[in-house]
């Protein structure tokens, strides 16, 4: 009996197990933090992880906004995969205007 080809798509997808994962670099107060995220999870999960990793716990996650390198605010309720974010992307996390008071 022939063994299955180890390079078949089924074998590859099963072997990696992390094809839905990306590692994003989130810059929080000037400090880069690497956050692993699931492409099917909403972007707000990345905000929570980045704040915890960087020790910024004084403000709740909903008071923060995530921007891309061009300065565009990203919708935190959308799935990471739907936003087209890939591993290595650098995003910037900052307090929303008026949230510090």
PDB file of N, CA and C in Angstrom:
ATOM      1  N   UNK A   1       0.830  -1.178   0.000  1.00  0.00           N
ATOM      2  CA  UNK A   1       0.000   0.000   0.000  1.00  0.00           C
ATOM      3  C   UNK A   1       0.882   1.251   0.000  1.00  0.00           C
ATOM      4  N   UNK A   2       0.545   2.216  -0.856  1.00  0.00           N
ATOM      5  CA  UNK A   2       1.342   3.428  -0.995  1.00  0.00           C
ATOM      6  C   UNK A   2       1.048   4.395   0.155  1.00  0.00           C
ATOM      7  N   UNK A   3       2.120   4.948   0.716  1.00  0.00           N
ATOM      8  CA  UNK A   3       1.956   5.939   1.777  1.00  0.00           C
ATOM      9  C   UNK A   3       1.532   7.272   1.157  1.00  0.00           C
ATOM     10  N   UNK A   4       0.765   8.066   1.889  1.00  0.00           N
ATOM     11  CA  UNK A   4       0.365   9.370   1.347  1.00  0.00           C
ATOM     12  C   UNK A   4       1.575  10.275   1.145  1.00  0.00           C
ATOM     13  N   UNK A   5       1.514  11.060   0.102  1.00  0.00           N
ATOM     14  CA  UNK A   5       2.584  12.003  -0.205  1.00  0.00           C
ATOM     15  C   UNK A   5       2.618  13.088   0.874  1.00  0.00           C
ATOM     16  N   UNK A   6       3.776  13.267   1.498  1.00  0.00           N
ATOM     17  CA  UNK A   6       3.881  14.231   2.595  1.00  0.00           C
ATOM     18  C   UNK A   6       3.783  15.676   2.131  1.00  0.00           C
ATOM     19  N   UNK A   7       3.882  15.910   0.828  1.00  0.00           N
ATOM     20  CA  UNK A   7       3.787  17.283   0.346  1.00  0.00           C
ATOM     21  C   UNK A   7       2.401  17.608  -0.194  1.00  0.00           C
ATOM     22  N   UNK A   8       1.464  16.687  -0.031  1.00  0.00           N
ATOM     23  CA  UNK A   8       0.107  16.962  -0.501  1.00  0.00           C
ATOM     24  C   UNK A   8      -0.481  18.110   0.308  1.00  0.00           C
ATOM     25  N   UNK A   9      -1.418  18.879  -0.258  1.00  0.00           N
ATOM     26  CA  UNK A   9      -2.013  20.004   0.475  1.00  0.00           C
ATOM     27  C   UNK A   9      -2.616  19.585   1.810  1.00  0.00           C
ATOM     28  N   UNK A  10      -3.242  18.407   1.844  1.00  0.00           N
ATOM     29  CA  UNK A  10      -3.854  17.943   3.090  1.00  0.00           C
ATOM     30  C   UNK A  10      -2.783  17.725   4.159  1.00  0.00           C
ATOM     31  N   UNK A  11      -1.679  17.112   3.770  1.00  0.00           N
ATOM     32  CA  UNK A  11      -0.609  16.828   4.723  1.00  0.00           C
ATOM     33  C   UNK A  11       0.038  18.125   5.197  1.00  0.00           C
ATOM     34  N   UNK A  12       0.242  19.057   4.286  1.00  0.00           N
ATOM     35  CA  UNK A  12       0.872  20.321   4.645  1.00  0.00           C
ATOM     36  C   UNK A  12       0.000  21.118   5.604  1.00  0.00           C
ATOM     37  N   UNK A  13      -1.277  21.253   5.297  1.00  0.00           N
ATOM     38  CA  UNK A  13      -2.181  22.020   6.152  1.00  0.00           C
ATOM     39  C   UNK A  13      -2.288  21.381   7.525  1.00  0.00           C
ATOM     40  N   UNK A  14      -2.331  20.075   7.548  1.00  0.00           N
ATOM     41  CA  UNK A  14      -2.467  19.366   8.814  1.00  0.00           C
ATOM     42  C   UNK A  14      -1.183  19.466   9.633  1.00  0.00           C
ATOM     43  N   UNK A  15      -0.047  19.444   8.954  1.00  0.00           N
ATOM     44  CA  UNK A  15       1.238  19.453   9.648  1.00  0.00           C
ATOM     45  C   UNK A  15       1.540  20.817  10.269  1.00  0.00           C
ATOM     46  N   UNK A  16       1.217  21.911   9.565  1.00  0.00           N
ATOM     47  CA  UNK A  16       1.551  23.231  10.097  1.00  0.00           C
ATOM     48  C   UNK A  16       0.629  23.597  11.249  1.00  0.00           C
ATOM     49  N   UNK A  17      -0.664  23.428  11.074  1.00  0.00           N
ATOM     50  CA  UNK A  17      -1.611  23.715  12.132  1.00  0.00           C
ATOM     51  C   UNK A  17      -1.716  25.182  12.491  1.00  0.00           C
ATOM     52  N   UNK A  18      -0.905  26.041  11.883  1.00  0.00           N
ATOM     53  CA  UNK A  18      -0.930  27.453  12.240  1.00  0.00           C
ATOM     54  C   UNK A  18      -1.148  28.346  11.026  1.00  0.00           C
ATOM     55  N   UNK A  19      -1.807  27.820  10.017  1.00  0.00           N
ATOM     56  CA  UNK A  19      -2.002  28.626   8.818  1.00  0.00           C
ATOM     57  C   UNK A  19      -2.953  29.794   9.059  1.00  0.00           C
ATOM     58  N   UNK A  20      -3.716  29.763  10.148  1.00  0.00           N
ATOM     59  CA  UNK A  20      -4.611  30.864  10.480  1.00  0.00           C
ATOM     60  C   UNK A  20      -3.992  31.836  11.473  1.00  0.00           C
ATOM     61  N   UNK A  21      -2.707  31.685  11.747  1.00  0.00           N
ATOM     62  CA  UNK A  21      -2.030  32.544  12.723  1.00  0.00           C
ATOM     63  C   UNK A  21      -1.102  33.524  12.016  1.00  0.00           C
ATOM     64  N   UNK A  22      -1.036  34.732  12.558  1.00  0.00           N
ATOM     65  CA  UNK A  22      -0.087  35.735  12.084  1.00  0.00           C
ATOM     66  C   UNK A  22       0.577  36.369  13.299  1.00  0.00           C
ATOM     67  N   UNK A  23       1.758  36.909  13.095  1.00  0.00           N
ATOM     68  CA  UNK A  23       2.432  37.653  14.152  1.00  0.00           C
ATOM     69  C   UNK A  23       2.504  39.103  13.704  1.00  0.00           C
ATOM     70  N   UNK A  24       1.869  39.970  14.477  1.00  0.00           N
ATOM     71  CA  UNK A  24       1.820  41.389  14.165  1.00  0.00           C
ATOM     72  C   UNK A  24       2.721  42.143  15.139  1.00  0.00           C
ATOM     73  N   UNK A  25       3.322  43.217  14.665  1.00  0.00           N
ATOM     74  CA  UNK A  25       4.102  44.085  15.540  1.00  0.00           C
ATOM     75  C   UNK A  25       3.226  45.278  15.884  1.00  0.00           C
ATOM     76  N   UNK A  26       2.938  45.426  17.168  1.00  0.00           N
ATOM     77  CA  UNK A  26       2.104  46.524  17.640  1.00  0.00           C
ATOM     78  C   UNK A  26       3.001  47.489  18.409  1.00  0.00           C
ATOM     79  N   UNK A  27       3.051  48.732  17.973  1.00  0.00           N
ATOM     80  CA  UNK A  27       3.861  49.739  18.646  1.00  0.00           C
ATOM     81  C   UNK A  27       2.967  50.455  19.661  1.00  0.00           C
ATOM     82  N   UNK A  28       3.302  50.268  20.949  1.00  0.00           N
ATOM     83  CA  UNK A  28       2.535  50.871  22.040  1.00  0.00           C
ATOM     84  C   UNK A  28       3.443  51.875  22.748  1.00  0.00           C
ATOM     85  N   UNK A  29       3.073  53.151  22.701  1.00  0.00           N
ATOM     86  CA  UNK A  29       3.896  54.209  23.321  1.00  0.00           C
ATOM     87  C   UNK A  29       5.359  54.127  22.885  1.00  0.00           C
ATOM     88  N   UNK A  30       5.585  53.876  21.607  1.00  0.00           N
ATOM     89  CA  UNK A  30       6.931  53.839  21.052  1.00  0.00           C
ATOM     90  C   UNK A  30       7.667  52.522  21.204  1.00  0.00           C
ATOM     91  N   UNK A  31       7.075  51.570  21.919  1.00  0.00           N
ATOM     92  CA  UNK A  31       7.720  50.275  22.140  1.00  0.00           C
ATOM     93  C   UNK A  31       7.045  49.184  21.313  1.00  0.00           C
ATOM     94  N   UNK A  32       7.789  48.494  20.439  1.00  0.00           N
ATOM     95  CA  UNK A  32       7.193  47.420  19.643  1.00  0.00           C
ATOM     96  C   UNK A  32       6.934  46.163  20.477  1.00  0.00           C
ATOM     97  N   UNK A  33       5.772  45.575  20.261  1.00  0.00           N
ATOM     98  CA  UNK A  33       5.383  44.340  20.939  1.00  0.00           C
ATOM     99  C   UNK A  33       4.916  43.362  19.866  1.00  0.00           C
ATOM    100  N   UNK A  34       5.442  42.133  19.875  1.00  0.00           N
ATOM    101  CA  UNK A  34       4.989  41.104  18.929  1.00  0.00           C
ATOM    102  C   UNK A  34       3.795  40.375  19.520  1.00  0.00           C
ATOM    103  N   UNK A  35       2.724  40.300  18.727  1.00  0.00           N
ATOM    104  CA  UNK A  35       1.498  39.653  19.177  1.00  0.00           C
ATOM    105  C   UNK A  35       1.085  38.612  18.144  1.00  0.00           C
ATOM    106  N   UNK A  36       0.886  37.372  18.601  1.00  0.00           N
ATOM    107  CA  UNK A  36       0.379  36.326  17.712  1.00  0.00           C
ATOM    108  C   UNK A  36      -1.140  36.404  17.720  1.00  0.00           C
ATOM    109  N   UNK A  37      -1.731  36.331  16.533  1.00  0.00           N
ATOM    110  CA  UNK A  37      -3.176  36.467  16.428  1.00  0.00           C
ATOM    111  C   UNK A  37      -3.745  35.479  15.423  1.00  0.00           C
ATOM    112  N   UNK A  38      -5.009  35.142  15.618  1.00  0.00           N
ATOM    113  CA  UNK A  38      -5.732  34.265  14.708  1.00  0.00           C
ATOM    114  C   UNK A  38      -6.421  35.136  13.662  1.00  0.00           C
ATOM    115  N   UNK A  39      -6.295  34.771  12.393  1.00  0.00           N
ATOM    116  CA  UNK A  39      -6.899  35.542  11.309  1.00  0.00           C
ATOM    117  C   UNK A  39      -8.414  35.642  11.431  1.00  0.00           C
ATOM    118  N   UNK A  40      -9.035  34.683  12.122  1.00  0.00           N
ATOM    119  CA  UNK A  40     -10.489  34.679  12.265  1.00  0.00           C
ATOM    120  C   UNK A  40     -10.974  35.434  13.499  1.00  0.00           C
ATOM    121  N   UNK A  41     -10.049  35.961  14.290  1.00  0.00           N
ATOM    122  CA  UNK A  41     -10.409  36.701  15.505  1.00  0.00           C
ATOM    123  C   UNK A  41     -10.570  38.184  15.179  1.00  0.00           C
ATOM    124  N   UNK A  42     -11.407  38.877  15.952  1.00  0.00           N
ATOM    125  CA  UNK A  42     -11.528  40.324  15.734  1.00  0.00           C
ATOM    126  C   UNK A  42     -10.241  41.041  16.147  1.00  0.00           C
ATOM    127  N   UNK A  43      -9.987  42.160  15.520  1.00  0.00           N
ATOM    128  CA  UNK A  43      -8.763  42.920  15.772  1.00  0.00           C
ATOM    129  C   UNK A  43      -8.659  43.375  17.226  1.00  0.00           C
ATOM    130  N   UNK A  44      -9.785  43.549  17.913  1.00  0.00           N
ATOM    131  CA  UNK A  44      -9.717  44.015  19.308  1.00  0.00           C
ATOM    132  C   UNK A  44      -8.997  43.023  20.220  1.00  0.00           C
ATOM    133  N   UNK A  45      -8.892  41.759  19.817  1.00  0.00           N
ATOM    134  CA  UNK A  45      -8.132  40.789  20.618  1.00  0.00           C
ATOM    135  C   UNK A  45      -6.643  41.140  20.615  1.00  0.00           C
ATOM    136  N   UNK A  46      -6.173  41.708  19.513  1.00  0.00           N
ATOM    137  CA  UNK A  46      -4.775  42.127  19.402  1.00  0.00           C
ATOM    138  C   UNK A  46      -4.514  43.314  20.333  1.00  0.00           C
ATOM    139  N   UNK A  47      -5.479  44.229  20.418  1.00  0.00           N
ATOM    140  CA  UNK A  47      -5.333  45.391  21.300  1.00  0.00           C
ATOM    141  C   UNK A  47      -5.166  44.929  22.743  1.00  0.00           C
ATOM    142  N   UNK A  48      -6.027  44.017  23.174  1.00  0.00           N
ATOM    143  CA  UNK A  48      -5.970  43.501  24.545  1.00  0.00           C
ATOM    144  C   UNK A  48      -4.623  42.844  24.833  1.00  0.00           C
ATOM    145  N   UNK A  49      -4.150  41.999  23.890  1.00  0.00           N
ATOM    146  CA  UNK A  49      -2.869  41.309  24.079  1.00  0.00           C
ATOM    147  C   UNK A  49      -1.703  42.290  24.119  1.00  0.00           C
ATOM    148  N   UNK A  50      -1.704  43.269  23.213  1.00  0.00           N
ATOM    149  CA  UNK A  50      -0.605  44.236  23.148  1.00  0.00           C
ATOM    150  C   UNK A  50      -0.540  45.079  24.422  1.00  0.00           C
ATOM    151  N   UNK A  51      -1.693  45.472  24.952  1.00  0.00           N
ATOM    152  CA  UNK A  51      -1.711  46.256  26.188  1.00  0.00           C
ATOM    153  C   UNK A  51      -1.183  45.435  27.361  1.00  0.00           C
ATOM    154  N   UNK A  52      -1.588  44.179  27.434  1.00  0.00           N
ATOM    155  CA  UNK A  52      -1.121  43.306  28.516  1.00  0.00           C
ATOM    156  C   UNK A  52       0.386  43.082  28.419  1.00  0.00           C
ATOM    157  N   UNK A  53       0.877  42.797  27.196  1.00  0.00           N
ATOM    158  CA  UNK A  53       2.309  42.538  26.988  1.00  0.00           C
ATOM    159  C   UNK A  53       3.167  43.758  27.330  1.00  0.00           C
ATOM    160  N   UNK A  54       2.640  44.958  27.039  1.00  0.00           N
ATOM    161  CA  UNK A  54       3.418  46.177  27.253  1.00  0.00           C
ATOM    162  C   UNK A  54       3.221  46.767  28.649  1.00  0.00           C
ATOM    163  N   UNK A  55       2.295  46.199  29.420  1.00  0.00           N
ATOM    164  CA  UNK A  55       2.053  46.687  30.772  1.00  0.00           C
ATOM    165  C   UNK A  55       1.187  47.933  30.835  1.00  0.00           C
ATOM    166  N   UNK A  56       0.556  48.290  29.722  1.00  0.00           N
ATOM    167  CA  UNK A  56      -0.334  49.451  29.686  1.00  0.00           C
ATOM    168  C   UNK A  56      -1.747  49.024  30.070  1.00  0.00           C
ATOM    169  N   UNK A  57      -2.017  49.036  31.364  1.00  0.00           N
ATOM    170  CA  UNK A  57      -3.320  48.560  31.841  1.00  0.00           C
ATOM    171  C   UNK A  57      -4.126  49.665  32.522  1.00  0.00           C
ATOM    172  N   UNK A  58      -3.649  50.914  32.447  1.00  0.00           N
ATOM    173  CA  UNK A  58      -4.336  52.025  33.096  1.00  0.00           C
ATOM    174  C   UNK A  58      -5.630  52.430  32.416  1.00  0.00           C
ATOM    175  N   UNK A  59      -5.740  52.153  31.124  1.00  0.00           N
ATOM    176  CA  UNK A  59      -6.942  52.489  30.357  1.00  0.00           C
ATOM    177  C   UNK A  59      -7.504  51.208  29.755  1.00  0.00           C
ATOM    178  N   UNK A  60      -8.826  51.065  29.712  1.00  0.00           N
ATOM    179  CA  UNK A  60      -9.418  49.857  29.125  1.00  0.00           C
ATOM    180  C   UNK A  60      -9.169  49.796  27.610  1.00  0.00           C
ATOM    181  N   UNK A  61      -9.173  48.590  27.038  1.00  0.00           N
ATOM    182  CA  UNK A  61      -8.896  48.423  25.603  1.00  0.00           C
ATOM    183  C   UNK A  61      -9.789  49.267  24.694  1.00  0.00           C
ATOM    184  N   UNK A  62     -11.038  49.509  25.097  1.00  0.00           N
ATOM    185  CA  UNK A  62     -11.939  50.277  24.229  1.00  0.00           C
ATOM    186  C   UNK A  62     -11.548  51.754  24.123  1.00  0.00           C
ATOM    187  N   UNK A  63     -10.618  52.220  24.972  1.00  0.00           N
ATOM    188  CA  UNK A  63     -10.138  53.602  24.892  1.00  0.00           C
ATOM    189  C   UNK A  63      -8.954  53.761  23.941  1.00  0.00           C
ATOM    190  N   UNK A  64      -8.541  52.667  23.316  1.00  0.00           N
ATOM    191  CA  UNK A  64      -7.395  52.681  22.420  1.00  0.00           C
ATOM    192  C   UNK A  64      -7.845  52.469  20.983  1.00  0.00           C
ATOM    193  N   UNK A  65      -7.038  52.982  20.045  1.00  0.00           N
ATOM    194  CA  UNK A  65      -7.308  52.735  18.629  1.00  0.00           C
ATOM    195  C   UNK A  65      -6.031  52.265  17.952  1.00  0.00           C
ATOM    196  N   UNK A  66      -6.223  51.427  16.949  1.00  0.00           N
ATOM    197  CA  UNK A  66      -5.109  50.838  16.213  1.00  0.00           C
ATOM    198  C   UNK A  66      -5.069  51.458  14.826  1.00  0.00           C
ATOM    199  N   UNK A  67      -3.879  51.912  14.430  1.00  0.00           N
ATOM    200  CA  UNK A  67      -3.709  52.539  13.120  1.00  0.00           C
ATOM    201  C   UNK A  67      -2.651  51.791  12.324  1.00  0.00           C
ATOM    202  N   UNK A  68      -2.782  51.871  10.997  1.00  0.00           N
ATOM    203  CA  UNK A  68      -1.748  51.293  10.138  1.00  0.00           C
ATOM    204  C   UNK A  68      -0.635  52.326   9.959  1.00  0.00           C
ATOM    205  N   UNK A  69       0.386  51.974   9.180  1.00  0.00           N
ATOM    206  CA  UNK A  69       1.541  52.866   9.015  1.00  0.00           C
ATOM    207  C   UNK A  69       1.183  54.170   8.309  1.00  0.00           C
ATOM    208  N   UNK A  70       0.078  54.172   7.558  1.00  0.00           N
ATOM    209  CA  UNK A  70      -0.363  55.383   6.869  1.00  0.00           C
ATOM    210  C   UNK A  70      -1.204  56.282   7.777  1.00  0.00           C
ATOM    211  N   UNK A  71      -1.496  55.802   9.004  1.00  0.00           N
ATOM    212  CA  UNK A  71      -2.274  56.598   9.945  1.00  0.00           C
ATOM    213  C   UNK A  71      -3.772  56.360   9.893  1.00  0.00           C
ATOM    214  N   UNK A  72      -4.197  55.363   9.116  1.00  0.00           N
ATOM    215  CA  UNK A  72      -5.620  55.044   9.020  1.00  0.00           C
ATOM    216  C   UNK A  72      -6.068  54.244  10.234  1.00  0.00           C
ATOM    217  N   UNK A  73      -7.174  54.661  10.859  1.00  0.00           N
ATOM    218  CA  UNK A  73      -7.716  53.931  12.005  1.00  0.00           C
ATOM    219  C   UNK A  73      -8.379  52.655  11.492  1.00  0.00           C
ATOM    220  N   UNK A  74      -8.041  51.520  12.116  1.00  0.00           N
ATOM    221  CA  UNK A  74      -8.595  50.223  11.722  1.00  0.00           C
ATOM    222  C   UNK A  74      -9.807  49.893  12.581  1.00  0.00           C
ATOM    223  N   UNK A  75     -10.801  49.251  11.980  1.00  0.00           N
ATOM    224  CA  UNK A  75     -12.015  48.847  12.688  1.00  0.00           C
ATOM    225  C   UNK A  75     -11.705  47.627  13.548  1.00  0.00           C
ATOM    226  N   UNK A  76     -11.676  47.822  14.863  1.00  0.00           N
ATOM    227  CA  UNK A  76     -11.288  46.761  15.796  1.00  0.00           C
ATOM    228  C   UNK A  76     -12.307  45.635  15.875  1.00  0.00           C
ATOM    229  N   UNK A  77     -13.512  45.847  15.353  1.00  0.00           N
ATOM    230  CA  UNK A  77     -14.527  44.791  15.403  1.00  0.00           C
ATOM    231  C   UNK A  77     -14.415  43.828  14.225  1.00  0.00           C
ATOM    232  N   UNK A  78     -13.620  44.187  13.214  1.00  0.00           N
ATOM    233  CA  UNK A  78     -13.461  43.322  12.036  1.00  0.00           C
ATOM    234  C   UNK A  78     -12.433  42.234  12.291  1.00  0.00           C
ATOM    235  N   UNK A  79     -12.590  41.129  11.553  1.00  0.00           N
ATOM    236  CA  UNK A  79     -11.633  40.029  11.657  1.00  0.00           C
ATOM    237  C   UNK A  79     -10.295  40.449  11.051  1.00  0.00           C
ATOM    238  N   UNK A  80      -9.233  39.961  11.653  1.00  0.00           N
ATOM    239  CA  UNK A  80      -7.879  40.279  11.208  1.00  0.00           C
ATOM    240  C   UNK A  80      -7.682  39.885   9.744  1.00  0.00           C
ATOM    241  N   UNK A  81      -8.170  38.705   9.371  1.00  0.00           N
ATOM    242  CA  UNK A  81      -8.052  38.246   7.990  1.00  0.00           C
ATOM    243  C   UNK A  81      -8.833  39.112   7.020  1.00  0.00           C
ATOM    244  N   UNK A  82     -10.007  39.608   7.447  1.00  0.00           N
ATOM    245  CA  UNK A  82     -10.826  40.463   6.588  1.00  0.00           C
ATOM    246  C   UNK A  82     -10.158  41.811   6.323  1.00  0.00           C
ATOM    247  N   UNK A  83      -9.308  42.233   7.243  1.00  0.00           N
ATOM    248  CA  UNK A  83      -8.582  43.494   7.070  1.00  0.00           C
ATOM    249  C   UNK A  83      -7.342  43.323   6.198  1.00  0.00           C
ATOM    250  N   UNK A  84      -7.020  42.064   5.855  1.00  0.00           N
ATOM    251  CA  UNK A  84      -5.874  41.790   4.987  1.00  0.00           C
ATOM    252  C   UNK A  84      -4.530  41.914   5.685  1.00  0.00           C
ATOM    253  N   UNK A  85      -4.528  41.791   7.009  1.00  0.00           N
ATOM    254  CA  UNK A  85      -3.276  41.910   7.756  1.00  0.00           C
ATOM    255  C   UNK A  85      -2.489  40.608   7.681  1.00  0.00           C
ATOM    256  N   UNK A  86      -1.203  40.727   7.426  1.00  0.00           N
ATOM    257  CA  UNK A  86      -0.332  39.556   7.303  1.00  0.00           C
ATOM    258  C   UNK A  86       0.783  39.640   8.336  1.00  0.00           C
ATOM    259  N   UNK A  87       1.461  38.524   8.553  1.00  0.00           N
ATOM    260  CA  UNK A  87       2.582  38.503   9.496  1.00  0.00           C
ATOM    261  C   UNK A  87       3.599  39.571   9.135  1.00  0.00           C
ATOM    262  N   UNK A  88       4.127  40.212  10.164  1.00  0.00           N
ATOM    263  CA  UNK A  88       5.144  41.230   9.955  1.00  0.00           C
ATOM    264  C   UNK A  88       4.608  42.642   9.837  1.00  0.00           C
ATOM    265  N   UNK A  89       3.287  42.787   9.710  1.00  0.00           N
ATOM    266  CA  UNK A  89       2.696  44.118   9.598  1.00  0.00           C
ATOM    267  C   UNK A  89       2.922  44.879  10.902  1.00  0.00           C
ATOM    268  N   UNK A  90       3.250  46.165  10.777  1.00  0.00           N
ATOM    269  CA  UNK A  90       3.449  47.015  11.949  1.00  0.00           C
ATOM    270  C   UNK A  90       2.232  47.924  12.095  1.00  0.00           C
ATOM    271  N   UNK A  91       1.620  47.887  13.289  1.00  0.00           N
ATOM    272  CA  UNK A  91       0.469  48.722  13.597  1.00  0.00           C
ATOM    273  C   UNK A  91       0.788  49.569  14.819  1.00  0.00           C
ATOM    274  N   UNK A  92       0.065  50.666  14.967  1.00  0.00           N
ATOM    275  CA  UNK A  92       0.343  51.611  16.039  1.00  0.00           C
ATOM    276  C   UNK A  92      -0.878  51.769  16.933  1.00  0.00           C
ATOM    277  N   UNK A  93      -0.677  51.518  18.223  1.00  0.00           N
ATOM    278  CA  UNK A  93      -1.756  51.574  19.203  1.00  0.00           C
ATOM    279  C   UNK A  93      -1.606  52.841  20.035  1.00  0.00           C
ATOM    280  N   UNK A  94      -2.669  53.641  20.070  1.00  0.00           N
ATOM    281  CA  UNK A  94      -2.619  54.875  20.856  1.00  0.00           C
ATOM    282  C   UNK A  94      -3.987  55.152  21.459  1.00  0.00           C
ATOM    283  N   UNK A  95      -3.984  55.972  22.508  1.00  0.00           N
ATOM    284  CA  UNK A  95      -5.242  56.349  23.138  1.00  0.00           C
ATOM    285  C   UNK A  95      -6.074  57.175  22.166  1.00  0.00           C
ATOM    286  N   UNK A  96      -7.380  56.959  22.189  1.00  0.00           N
ATOM    287  CA  UNK A  96      -8.283  57.771  21.384  1.00  0.00           C
ATOM    288  C   UNK A  96      -8.266  59.192  21.936  1.00  0.00           C
ATOM    289  N   UNK A  97      -8.543  60.155  21.079  1.00  0.00           N
ATOM    290  CA  UNK A  97      -8.589  61.548  21.508  1.00  0.00           C
ATOM    291  C   UNK A  97      -9.613  61.710  22.623  1.00  0.00           C
ATOM    292  N   UNK A  98      -9.207  62.352  23.703  1.00  0.00           N
ATOM    293  CA  UNK A  98     -10.109  62.588  24.826  1.00  0.00           C
ATOM    294  C   UNK A  98     -10.239  61.439  25.800  1.00  0.00           C
ATOM    295  N   UNK A  99      -9.578  60.309  25.550  1.00  0.00           N
ATOM    296  CA  UNK A  99      -9.721  59.135  26.418  1.00  0.00           C
ATOM    297  C   UNK A  99      -8.860  59.224  27.671  1.00  0.00           C
ATOM    298  N   UNK A 100      -7.833  60.051  27.657  1.00  0.00           N
ATOM    299  CA  UNK A 100      -6.919  60.111  28.799  1.00  0.00           C
ATOM    300  C   UNK A 100      -7.519  60.822  30.008  1.00  0.00           C
ATOM    301  N   UNK A 101      -8.541  61.668  29.794  1.00  0.00           N
ATOM    302  CA  UNK A 101      -9.104  62.460  30.887  1.00  0.00           C
ATOM    303  C   UNK A 101     -10.059  61.681  31.677  1.00  0.00           C
TER     304      UNK A 101
END
